[in-house]
C-alpha atoms as a PDB file:
ATOM      1  CA  MET A   1     192.991  72.595 -12.723  1.00  0.00           C
ATOM      2  CA  ASP A   2     194.506  73.327  -9.258  1.00  0.00           C
ATOM      3  CA  GLN A   3     194.356  69.616  -8.540  1.00  0.00           C
ATOM      4  CA  ALA A   4     196.224  68.475 -11.698  1.00  0.00           C
ATOM      5  CA  PRO A   5     199.769  68.613 -10.266  1.00  0.00           C
ATOM      6  CA  GLU A   6     198.666  66.631  -7.153  1.00  0.00           C
ATOM      7  CA  ARG A   7     196.968  64.086  -9.316  1.00  0.00           C
ATOM      8  CA  ALA A   8     199.978  63.755 -11.604  1.00  0.00           C
ATOM      9  CA  ALA A   9     202.137  63.131  -8.542  1.00  0.00           C
ATOM     10  CA  ALA A  10     199.690  60.504  -7.356  1.00  0.00           C
ATOM     11  CA  PHE A  11     199.769  58.803 -10.782  1.00  0.00           C
ATOM     12  CA  ILE A  12     203.605  58.776 -10.683  1.00  0.00           C
ATOM     13  CA  GLU A  13     203.641  57.308  -7.164  1.00  0.00           C
ATOM     14  CA  ALA A  14     201.207  54.610  -8.274  1.00  0.00           C
ATOM     15  CA  GLY A  15     203.530  53.690 -11.152  1.00  0.00           C
ATOM     16  CA  ALA A  16     201.440  55.176 -14.037  1.00  0.00           C
ATOM     17  CA  ASP A  17     203.248  55.820 -17.343  1.00  0.00           C
ATOM     18  CA  GLY A  18     200.844  58.483 -18.531  1.00  0.00           C
ATOM     19  CA  PHE A  19     198.473  61.249 -17.405  1.00  0.00           C
ATOM     20  CA  PHE A  20     195.017  61.189 -19.049  1.00  0.00           C
ATOM     21  CA  ILE A  21     193.076  64.462 -18.922  1.00  0.00           C
ATOM     22  CA  PRO A  22     189.930  63.549 -20.930  1.00  0.00           C
ATOM     23  CA  GLY A  23     187.667  66.402 -19.872  1.00  0.00           C
ATOM     24  CA  LEU A  24     190.044  69.336 -20.515  1.00  0.00           C
ATOM     25  CA  THR A  25     189.737  71.069 -23.845  1.00  0.00           C
ATOM     26  CA  ASP A  26     191.334  74.487 -23.149  1.00  0.00           C
ATOM     27  CA  PRO A  27     194.596  74.624 -25.154  1.00  0.00           C
ATOM     28  CA  ALA A  28     196.253  76.949 -22.616  1.00  0.00           C
ATOM     29  CA  LEU A  29     195.546  74.691 -19.688  1.00  0.00           C
ATOM     30  CA  ILE A  30     196.579  71.551 -21.627  1.00  0.00           C
ATOM     31  CA  ALA A  31     199.887  73.164 -22.476  1.00  0.00           C
ATOM     32  CA  LYS A  32     200.344  74.179 -18.791  1.00  0.00           C
ATOM     33  CA  ILE A  33     199.799  70.601 -17.692  1.00  0.00           C
ATOM     34  CA  CYS A  34     202.147  69.239 -20.370  1.00  0.00           C
ATOM     35  CA  LYS A  35     204.756  71.656 -19.318  1.00  0.00           C
ATOM     36  CA  ASN A  36     204.479  70.834 -15.632  1.00  0.00           C
ATOM     37  CA  SER A  37     204.049  67.057 -15.925  1.00  0.00           C
ATOM     38  CA  SER A  38     206.976  64.588 -16.093  1.00  0.00           C
ATOM     39  CA  LEU A  39     204.398  61.989 -17.432  1.00  0.00           C
ATOM     40  CA  PRO A  40     203.298  61.916 -21.057  1.00  0.00           C
ATOM     41  CA  VAL A  41     199.933  63.581 -21.257  1.00  0.00           C
ATOM     42  CA  ASN A  42     196.964  62.053 -23.120  1.00  0.00           C
ATOM     43  CA  VAL A  43     193.902  64.061 -24.116  1.00  0.00           C
ATOM     44  CA  LEU A  44     190.427  63.188 -25.530  1.00  0.00           C
ATOM     45  CA  MET A  45     189.843  64.849 -28.894  1.00  0.00           C
ATOM     46  CA  ARG A  46     186.694  66.747 -28.402  1.00  0.00           C
ATOM     47  CA  GLY A  47     185.503  70.344 -28.129  1.00  0.00           C
ATOM     48  CA  GLY A  48     188.047  72.754 -29.757  1.00  0.00           C
ATOM     49  CA  LEU A  49     190.758  70.053 -30.010  1.00  0.00           C
ATOM     50  CA  GLU A  50     190.586  69.494 -33.785  1.00  0.00           C
ATOM     51  CA  THR A  51     193.851  68.052 -34.951  1.00  0.00           C
ATOM     52  CA  ILE A  52     196.709  65.860 -33.776  1.00  0.00           C
ATOM     53  CA  ALA A  53     199.145  68.589 -34.790  1.00  0.00           C
ATOM     54  CA  GLN A  54     197.304  71.115 -32.603  1.00  0.00           C
ATOM     55  CA  VAL A  55     197.567  68.984 -29.481  1.00  0.00           C
ATOM     56  CA  ALA A  56     201.182  67.834 -30.313  1.00  0.00           C
ATOM     57  CA  ASP A  57     202.146  71.523 -30.411  1.00  0.00           C
ATOM     58  CA  LEU A  58     200.737  71.813 -26.906  1.00  0.00           C
ATOM     59  CA  GLY A  59     202.972  69.042 -25.699  1.00  0.00           C
ATOM     60  CA  VAL A  60     200.494  66.283 -25.695  1.00  0.00           C
ATOM     61  CA  ALA A  61     202.039  62.766 -26.185  1.00  0.00           C
ATOM     62  CA  ARG A  62     198.799  60.852 -27.031  1.00  0.00           C
ATOM     63  CA  ALA A  63     195.457  61.813 -28.474  1.00  0.00           C
ATOM     64  CA  SER A  64     192.424  59.538 -27.945  1.00  0.00           C
ATOM     65  CA  TYR A  65     189.186  59.788 -29.821  1.00  0.00           C
ATOM     66  CA  GLY A  66     187.032  57.716 -27.365  1.00  0.00           C
ATOM     67  CA  PRO A  67     183.896  56.198 -28.766  1.00  0.00           C
ATOM     68  CA  GLY A  68     183.244  59.065 -31.264  1.00  0.00           C
ATOM     69  CA  PRO A  69     184.471  57.353 -34.389  1.00  0.00           C
ATOM     70  CA  TYR A  70     182.633  54.053 -33.464  1.00  0.00           C
ATOM     71  CA  LEU A  71     179.384  55.889 -32.754  1.00  0.00           C
ATOM     72  CA  ALA A  72     179.554  57.798 -36.071  1.00  0.00           C
ATOM     73  CA  ALA A  73     180.259  54.553 -37.981  1.00  0.00           C
ATOM     74  CA  MET A  74     177.292  52.938 -36.273  1.00  0.00           C
ATOM     75  CA  GLN A  75     174.992  55.935 -37.133  1.00  0.00           C
ATOM     76  CA  ASP A  76     176.152  55.712 -40.735  1.00  0.00           C
ATOM     77  CA  LEU A  77     175.469  51.974 -40.891  1.00  0.00           C
ATOM     78  CA  VAL A  78     171.982  52.394 -39.434  1.00  0.00           C
ATOM     79  CA  ALA A  79     171.265  55.145 -42.058  1.00  0.00           C
ATOM     80  CA  ARG A  80     172.521  53.028 -44.863  1.00  0.00           C
ATOM     81  CA  PHE A  81     170.509  49.989 -43.701  1.00  0.00           C
ATOM     82  CA  GLU A  82     167.334  52.116 -43.325  1.00  0.00           C
ATOM     83  CA  ASN A  83     167.766  53.443 -46.918  1.00  0.00           C
ATOM     84  CA  LEU A  84     168.139  50.036 -48.501  1.00  0.00           C
ATOM     85  CA  PRO A  85     165.566  49.362 -51.204  1.00  0.00           C
ATOM     86  CA  SER A  86     162.779  46.978 -50.091  1.00  0.00           C
END
């Protein structure tokens, strides 16, 4: 967390148009980063991050789901295929 402001500054200097913090799930820390970053903040929806409204209220500009929905769909497809009648 202590490195977040430095990283955000480096992102800005490099020309980034957003700050992605995929491993952070603590709402208080996310809100603090959003408050202190001039870049729009993007989080990965995992852990205790349950709804878009929840992270939007923290100041998050973009919520990503990563591979979770794809992996769930593939697991469902495999289960359906395995249960087809012979």
